[in-house]
Amino acid sequence: MEKICRKAVELSCGHLEVIDIERFCTNDLLKCIADNGSHLLCMRLVNCWGMTNKGFSEALRKLPLLEKVDISHSYLTEVSLEALGRSCPLLKSLKFSVGWFASRESDKMAFVIAETMPGLCHLDMKGHKLSELRVLAIIDKCPLLESLDISVCLSLYEDEDLHKSCIDKINDLQLTYCYTYKPMRQLI
């Protein structure tokens, strides 16, 4: 699949605008996409465990026109998110969700999004462990945000300030607490 994709990217002769890869993207393929995708607007790389922060970050330097990115279910961290925010000033949509079974501490990621992606209109961080404070930072620093999916975020509690801020500023909000863990002292 990687060879077929590489050939298709090369045959695009620099006119590639959308790429959608599931399960087989590697650093080498990312380099090929970056070398041939100066007009790339939309990139979906889902379940691509062969990418590294370094490979992804290097590719982004050559893809400044990206507006929509989905890098869900990968090993990428806040290092890649920072490179994305700094390299792609036109970014409007980011999907970086994880399954509930793979939830990880994500406050650093939320901070990077808040600081480097002020033009975001759509954000999907489903399944990450986010604190209320970091979600509020994203909402405050991304004034164009219209849709936000932070469902299945295992560390969010039912916080009235968070709920009010989200409701007041976000048109399409996915904010569920069905998987929230509450310490015993809060139940007493």
C-alpha atoms as a PDB file:
ATOM      1  CA  MET A   1       0.000   0.000   0.000  1.00  0.00           C
ATOM      2  CA  GLU A   2       2.818   2.390   0.823  1.00  0.00           C
ATOM      3  CA  LYS A   3       4.415   1.918  -2.617  1.00  0.00           C
ATOM      4  CA  ILE A   4       1.091   2.496  -4.382  1.00  0.00           C
ATOM      5  CA  CYS A   5       0.440   5.626  -2.323  1.00  0.00           C
ATOM      6  CA  ARG A   6       3.953   6.945  -2.939  1.00  0.00           C
ATOM      7  CA  LYS A   7       3.511   6.483  -6.698  1.00  0.00           C
ATOM      8  CA  ALA A   8       0.124   8.258  -6.651  1.00  0.00           C
ATOM      9  CA  VAL A   9       1.611  11.158  -4.686  1.00  0.00           C
ATOM     10  CA  GLU A  10       4.505  11.450  -7.134  1.00  0.00           C
ATOM     11  CA  LEU A  11       2.118  11.338 -10.127  1.00  0.00           C
ATOM     12  CA  SER A  12       0.163  14.273  -8.677  1.00  0.00           C
ATOM     13  CA  CYS A  13       3.039  16.489  -9.872  1.00  0.00           C
ATOM     14  CA  GLY A  14       2.704  18.828  -6.896  1.00  0.00           C
ATOM     15  CA  HIS A  15      -1.075  19.271  -7.239  1.00  0.00           C
ATOM     16  CA  LEU A  16      -2.015  17.051  -4.304  1.00  0.00           C
ATOM     17  CA  GLU A  17      -4.732  18.747  -2.204  1.00  0.00           C
ATOM     18  CA  VAL A  18      -6.125  15.897  -0.069  1.00  0.00           C
ATOM     19  CA  ILE A  19      -4.483  12.766   1.325  1.00  0.00           C
ATOM     20  CA  ASP A  20      -6.272  10.092   3.345  1.00  0.00           C
ATOM     21  CA  ILE A  21      -4.188   7.249   4.752  1.00  0.00           C
ATOM     22  CA  GLU A  22      -5.164   4.652   7.289  1.00  0.00           C
ATOM     23  CA  ARG A  23      -2.720   2.285   8.987  1.00  0.00           C
ATOM     24  CA  PHE A  24       0.325   2.504   6.722  1.00  0.00           C
ATOM     25  CA  CYS A  25       1.871   5.972   6.842  1.00  0.00           C
ATOM     26  CA  THR A  26       5.558   6.064   7.765  1.00  0.00           C
ATOM     27  CA  ASN A  27       8.140   8.818   8.058  1.00  0.00           C
ATOM     28  CA  ASP A  28       9.397   7.999   4.553  1.00  0.00           C
ATOM     29  CA  LEU A  29       5.912   8.316   3.076  1.00  0.00           C
ATOM     30  CA  LEU A  30       5.392  11.584   4.980  1.00  0.00           C
ATOM     31  CA  LYS A  31       8.598  12.921   3.424  1.00  0.00           C
ATOM     32  CA  CYS A  32       7.325  11.961  -0.046  1.00  0.00           C
ATOM     33  CA  ILE A  33       3.999  13.697   0.657  1.00  0.00           C
ATOM     34  CA  ALA A  34       5.780  16.820   1.896  1.00  0.00           C
ATOM     35  CA  ASP A  35       8.110  16.894  -1.114  1.00  0.00           C
ATOM     36  CA  ASN A  36       5.179  16.603  -3.539  1.00  0.00           C
ATOM     37  CA  GLY A  37       2.330  18.238  -1.646  1.00  0.00           C
ATOM     38  CA  SER A  38       3.003  21.964  -1.504  1.00  0.00           C
ATOM     39  CA  HIS A  39      -0.721  22.544  -2.243  1.00  0.00           C
ATOM     40  CA  LEU A  40      -1.966  20.054   0.368  1.00  0.00           C
ATOM     41  CA  LEU A  41      -5.045  21.370   2.208  1.00  0.00           C
ATOM     42  CA  CYS A  42      -6.392  18.287   3.981  1.00  0.00           C
ATOM     43  CA  MET A  43      -4.455  15.409   5.552  1.00  0.00           C
ATOM     44  CA  ARG A  44      -5.941  12.394   7.322  1.00  0.00           C
ATOM     45  CA  LEU A  45      -3.446   9.962   8.858  1.00  0.00           C
ATOM     46  CA  VAL A  46      -5.393   7.597  11.124  1.00  0.00           C
ATOM     47  CA  ASN A  47      -4.023   4.568  12.967  1.00  0.00           C
ATOM     48  CA  CYS A  48      -0.606   5.314  11.483  1.00  0.00           C
ATOM     49  CA  TRP A  49       1.764   3.983  14.108  1.00  0.00           C
ATOM     50  CA  GLY A  50       4.811   4.212  11.798  1.00  0.00           C
ATOM     51  CA  MET A  51       5.058   8.007  12.104  1.00  0.00           C
ATOM     52  CA  THR A  52       7.252   9.707  14.662  1.00  0.00           C
ATOM     53  CA  ASN A  53       7.168  13.226  16.073  1.00  0.00           C
ATOM     54  CA  LYS A  54      10.372  14.021  14.198  1.00  0.00           C
ATOM     55  CA  GLY A  55       9.128  12.722  10.835  1.00  0.00           C
ATOM     56  CA  PHE A  56       5.749  14.431  11.183  1.00  0.00           C
ATOM     57  CA  SER A  57       7.296  17.740  12.288  1.00  0.00           C
ATOM     58  CA  GLU A  58       9.798  17.769   9.418  1.00  0.00           C
ATOM     59  CA  ALA A  59       7.051  17.091   6.873  1.00  0.00           C
ATOM     60  CA  LEU A  60       4.881  19.912   8.223  1.00  0.00           C
ATOM     61  CA  ARG A  61       7.530  22.509   7.442  1.00  0.00           C
ATOM     62  CA  LYS A  62       6.775  21.942   3.752  1.00  0.00           C
ATOM     63  CA  LEU A  63       2.966  21.940   4.143  1.00  0.00           C
ATOM     64  CA  PRO A  64       2.021  25.482   5.225  1.00  0.00           C
ATOM     65  CA  LEU A  65      -1.361  25.466   3.427  1.00  0.00           C
ATOM     66  CA  LEU A  66      -2.887  22.693   5.561  1.00  0.00           C
ATOM     67  CA  GLU A  67      -6.355  23.626   6.810  1.00  0.00           C
ATOM     68  CA  LYS A  68      -7.705  20.286   8.025  1.00  0.00           C
ATOM     69  CA  VAL A  69      -5.717  17.556   9.817  1.00  0.00           C
ATOM     70  CA  ASP A  70      -6.759  14.266  11.400  1.00  0.00           C
ATOM     71  CA  ILE A  71      -3.962  12.443  13.217  1.00  0.00           C
ATOM     72  CA  SER A  72      -6.116  10.268  15.462  1.00  0.00           C
ATOM     73  CA  HIS A  73      -4.859   7.064  17.024  1.00  0.00           C
ATOM     74  CA  SER A  74      -1.119   7.629  16.661  1.00  0.00           C
ATOM     75  CA  TYR A  75       1.971   7.938  18.825  1.00  0.00           C
ATOM     76  CA  LEU A  76       2.241  11.666  18.119  1.00  0.00           C
ATOM     77  CA  THR A  77       2.567  14.014  21.098  1.00  0.00           C
ATOM     78  CA  GLU A  78       2.564  17.717  21.888  1.00  0.00           C
ATOM     79  CA  VAL A  79       5.841  17.996  19.934  1.00  0.00           C
ATOM     80  CA  SER A  80       3.944  17.252  16.718  1.00  0.00           C
ATOM     81  CA  LEU A  81       1.050  19.501  17.705  1.00  0.00           C
ATOM     82  CA  GLU A  82       3.422  22.402  18.281  1.00  0.00           C
ATOM     83  CA  ALA A  83       5.043  21.847  14.876  1.00  0.00           C
ATOM     84  CA  LEU A  84       1.571  21.727  13.315  1.00  0.00           C
ATOM     85  CA  GLY A  85       0.511  24.973  14.972  1.00  0.00           C
ATOM     86  CA  ARG A  86       3.716  26.807  14.080  1.00  0.00           C
ATOM     87  CA  SER A  87       4.047  25.467  10.518  1.00  0.00           C
ATOM     88  CA  CYS A  88       0.406  25.657   9.409  1.00  0.00           C
ATOM     89  CA  PRO A  89      -1.063  29.086  10.224  1.00  0.00           C
ATOM     90  CA  LEU A  90      -4.184  28.389   8.102  1.00  0.00           C
ATOM     91  CA  LEU A  91      -5.207  25.360  10.204  1.00  0.00           C
ATOM     92  CA  LYS A  92      -8.957  25.416  10.862  1.00  0.00           C
ATOM     93  CA  SER A  93      -9.760  21.833  11.847  1.00  0.00           C
ATOM     94  CA  LEU A  94      -7.865  19.358  14.020  1.00  0.00           C
ATOM     95  CA  LYS A  95      -8.970  15.879  14.960  1.00  0.00           C
ATOM     96  CA  PHE A  96      -6.656  14.153  17.407  1.00  0.00           C
ATOM     97  CA  SER A  97      -8.819  11.675  19.244  1.00  0.00           C
ATOM     98  CA  VAL A  98      -7.818   8.482  21.002  1.00  0.00           C
ATOM     99  CA  GLY A  99      -9.841   5.493  22.109  1.00  0.00           C
ATOM    100  CA  TRP A 100     -10.955   5.405  25.727  1.00  0.00           C
ATOM    101  CA  PHE A 101      -8.567   2.519  26.292  1.00  0.00           C
ATOM    102  CA  ALA A 102      -5.619   4.638  25.149  1.00  0.00           C
ATOM    103  CA  SER A 103      -6.419   7.809  27.041  1.00  0.00           C
ATOM    104  CA  ARG A 104      -3.336   9.699  28.107  1.00  0.00           C
ATOM    105  CA  GLU A 105      -2.438  12.815  30.031  1.00  0.00           C
ATOM    106  CA  SER A 106      -3.036  15.606  27.550  1.00  0.00           C
ATOM    107  CA  ASP A 107      -2.784  18.934  29.353  1.00  0.00           C
ATOM    108  CA  LYS A 108       0.493  19.714  27.541  1.00  0.00           C
ATOM    109  CA  MET A 109      -1.259  19.038  24.238  1.00  0.00           C
ATOM    110  CA  ALA A 110      -4.138  21.319  25.188  1.00  0.00           C
ATOM    111  CA  PHE A 111      -1.697  24.072  26.156  1.00  0.00           C
ATOM    112  CA  VAL A 112       0.104  23.762  22.795  1.00  0.00           C
ATOM    113  CA  ILE A 113      -3.203  23.950  20.923  1.00  0.00           C
ATOM    114  CA  ALA A 114      -4.233  27.036  22.886  1.00  0.00           C
ATOM    115  CA  GLU A 115      -0.909  28.772  22.253  1.00  0.00           C
ATOM    116  CA  THR A 116      -0.269  27.883  18.596  1.00  0.00           C
ATOM    117  CA  MET A 117      -3.645  27.379  16.876  1.00  0.00           C
ATOM    118  CA  PRO A 118      -5.734  30.538  17.335  1.00  0.00           C
ATOM    119  CA  GLY A 119      -7.513  30.059  13.992  1.00  0.00           C
ATOM    120  CA  LEU A 120      -9.088  26.694  14.875  1.00  0.00           C
ATOM    121  CA  CYS A 121     -12.796  26.392  14.104  1.00  0.00           C
ATOM    122  CA  HIS A 122     -13.177  22.651  14.801  1.00  0.00           C
ATOM    123  CA  LEU A 123     -11.372  20.578  17.423  1.00  0.00           C
ATOM    124  CA  ASP A 124     -11.855  16.911  18.310  1.00  0.00           C
ATOM    125  CA  MET A 125      -9.811  15.708  21.298  1.00  0.00           C
ATOM    126  CA  LYS A 126     -12.108  12.809  22.167  1.00  0.00           C
ATOM    127  CA  GLY A 127     -10.662  10.399  24.717  1.00  0.00           C
ATOM    128  CA  HIS A 128      -7.822  12.529  26.050  1.00  0.00           C
ATOM    129  CA  LYS A 129      -7.306  13.303  29.722  1.00  0.00           C
ATOM    130  CA  LEU A 130      -7.893  17.047  29.808  1.00  0.00           C
ATOM    131  CA  SER A 131      -8.332  19.297  32.817  1.00  0.00           C
ATOM    132  CA  GLU A 132     -11.040  21.933  32.949  1.00  0.00           C
ATOM    133  CA  LEU A 133      -8.357  24.623  33.083  1.00  0.00           C
ATOM    134  CA  ARG A 134      -6.786  23.523  29.791  1.00  0.00           C
ATOM    135  CA  VAL A 135     -10.139  23.225  28.034  1.00  0.00           C
ATOM    136  CA  LEU A 136     -10.938  26.779  29.152  1.00  0.00           C
ATOM    137  CA  ALA A 137      -7.525  27.904  27.835  1.00  0.00           C
ATOM    138  CA  ILE A 138      -8.350  26.436  24.417  1.00  0.00           C
ATOM    139  CA  ILE A 139     -11.734  28.153  24.404  1.00  0.00           C
ATOM    140  CA  ASP A 140     -10.194  31.482  25.403  1.00  0.00           C
ATOM    141  CA  LYS A 141      -7.252  31.364  22.974  1.00  0.00           C
ATOM    142  CA  CYS A 142      -9.186  29.967  19.992  1.00  0.00           C
ATOM    143  CA  PRO A 143     -11.921  32.589  19.528  1.00  0.00           C
ATOM    144  CA  LEU A 144     -13.118  31.145  16.192  1.00  0.00           C
ATOM    145  CA  LEU A 145     -13.839  27.708  17.684  1.00  0.00           C
ATOM    146  CA  GLU A 146     -17.315  26.575  16.562  1.00  0.00           C
ATOM    147  CA  SER A 147     -17.233  22.869  17.338  1.00  0.00           C
ATOM    148  CA  LEU A 148     -15.503  21.048  20.163  1.00  0.00           C
ATOM    149  CA  ASP A 149     -15.596  17.339  20.901  1.00  0.00           C
ATOM    150  CA  ILE A 150     -14.091  16.479  24.263  1.00  0.00           C
ATOM    151  CA  SER A 151     -16.342  13.543  24.965  1.00  0.00           C
ATOM    152  CA  VAL A 152     -14.954  10.496  26.722  1.00  0.00           C
ATOM    153  CA  CYS A 153     -12.355  12.679  28.446  1.00  0.00           C
ATOM    154  CA  LEU A 154     -11.711  10.623  31.533  1.00  0.00           C
ATOM    155  CA  SER A 155     -10.500  13.437  33.781  1.00  0.00           C
ATOM    156  CA  LEU A 156     -13.222  16.032  33.230  1.00  0.00           C
ATOM    157  CA  TYR A 157     -15.668  16.464  36.050  1.00  0.00           C
ATOM    158  CA  GLU A 158     -19.013  18.175  35.778  1.00  0.00           C
ATOM    159  CA  ASP A 159     -17.746  21.715  36.196  1.00  0.00           C
ATOM    160  CA  GLU A 160     -20.305  24.520  35.954  1.00  0.00           C
ATOM    161  CA  ASP A 161     -17.765  27.124  34.755  1.00  0.00           C
ATOM    162  CA  LEU A 162     -16.521  24.823  32.030  1.00  0.00           C
ATOM    163  CA  HIS A 163     -20.030  23.910  30.966  1.00  0.00           C
ATOM    164  CA  LYS A 164     -21.137  27.571  30.894  1.00  0.00           C
ATOM    165  CA  SER A 165     -18.062  28.706  28.939  1.00  0.00           C
ATOM    166  CA  CYS A 166     -18.548  25.938  26.411  1.00  0.00           C
ATOM    167  CA  ILE A 167     -22.270  26.560  26.003  1.00  0.00           C
ATOM    168  CA  ASP A 168     -21.763  30.331  25.645  1.00  0.00           C
ATOM    169  CA  LYS A 169     -19.015  30.121  23.016  1.00  0.00           C
ATOM    170  CA  ILE A 170     -19.291  26.809  21.152  1.00  0.00           C
ATOM    171  CA  ASN A 171     -22.060  26.053  18.637  1.00  0.00           C
ATOM    172  CA  ASP A 172     -21.471  22.300  18.338  1.00  0.00           C
ATOM    173  CA  LEU A 173     -20.379  20.863  21.653  1.00  0.00           C
ATOM    174  CA  GLN A 174     -19.750  17.223  22.508  1.00  0.00           C
ATOM    175  CA  LEU A 175     -19.145  17.206  26.234  1.00  0.00           C
ATOM    176  CA  THR A 176     -20.093  14.001  28.009  1.00  0.00           C
ATOM    177  CA  TYR A 177     -19.197  12.925  31.481  1.00  0.00           C
ATOM    178  CA  CYS A 178     -20.343   9.349  31.214  1.00  0.00           C
ATOM    179  CA  TYR A 179     -16.837   7.959  31.818  1.00  0.00           C
ATOM    180  CA  THR A 180     -15.852  10.382  34.560  1.00  0.00           C
ATOM    181  CA  TYR A 181     -14.049   8.922  37.515  1.00  0.00           C
ATOM    182  CA  LYS A 182     -14.813  10.734  40.751  1.00  0.00           C
ATOM    183  CA  PRO A 183     -12.614  10.129  43.787  1.00  0.00           C
ATOM    184  CA  MET A 184     -14.358   8.680  46.867  1.00  0.00           C
ATOM    185  CA  ARG A 185     -13.970  11.916  48.866  1.00  0.00           C
ATOM    186  CA  GLN A 186     -16.267  13.672  46.395  1.00  0.00           C
ATOM    187  CA  LEU A 187     -18.986  11.097  46.938  1.00  0.00           C
ATOM    188  CA  ILE A 188     -19.086  11.625  50.684  1.00  0.00           C
END
